[in-house]
Amino acid sequence: MIKNILLPLLLIVVTACGGAFKPKKVDTRETPVNAEQRARKNIKEGRGTSLGDLVTGGLGRTTYEFSTANPMWRASLEILDFIPLTTVDYSGGMIITDWYSENSADDAIKITLRFLSNEIRSENLKVVVHKKTCSSAQNCKTVLLKNDKISEELHSSIIRKAAVLAKESKKK
């Protein structure tokens, strides 16, 4: 009885999975037959590695920089050092501050910096400023400040500072 149930079930499983175990069709005109040539082709296409890459660490193949080497990032952190930060994500290219209020407990601002590229150019940095105004503890209004003085000053001072830092690092 068990044989009558197991045998058809086993046949169904084996035939259903047969497609997963079939070898991939390869065009021999595009793939070298020689194993060494095939390995070199895979490495050229970025699908493998070589002993030379393991020894040198693949130097020259990556565009990753540490945050301390990026002048835009360093300039932003130096300029925003007076305000608490909630999110600092170098790989995502974003810095978000906490709500900051200098004198008044009723008004606060939050700054978001987005890095669109590592190059020191005006269009590669986006500064967004939100303002929160509270008339009571539970009654707060948050608005996006567009083209305001704070974001323009932050933007220009970060770009200027980044240019100075880049110039200093080239001198070294």
Foldseek 3Di string as FASTA:
>chain_A
DVCVVVVVVVVVVCVVCVVVPDDDDDDCVPAPPDPVVNQVVCVVVVNDDDVVCVVVVVPPPDPDDDLVVQLLSVLLCVVCVVFAWDDDDVVQQKTKTDWDDDPDPQKTKIKMWGAQDSDLDLVRIDIWMKMWGAPDPPRIDIDTDPPDPVRVVSSVSSSVRSVVVVVVVVVD
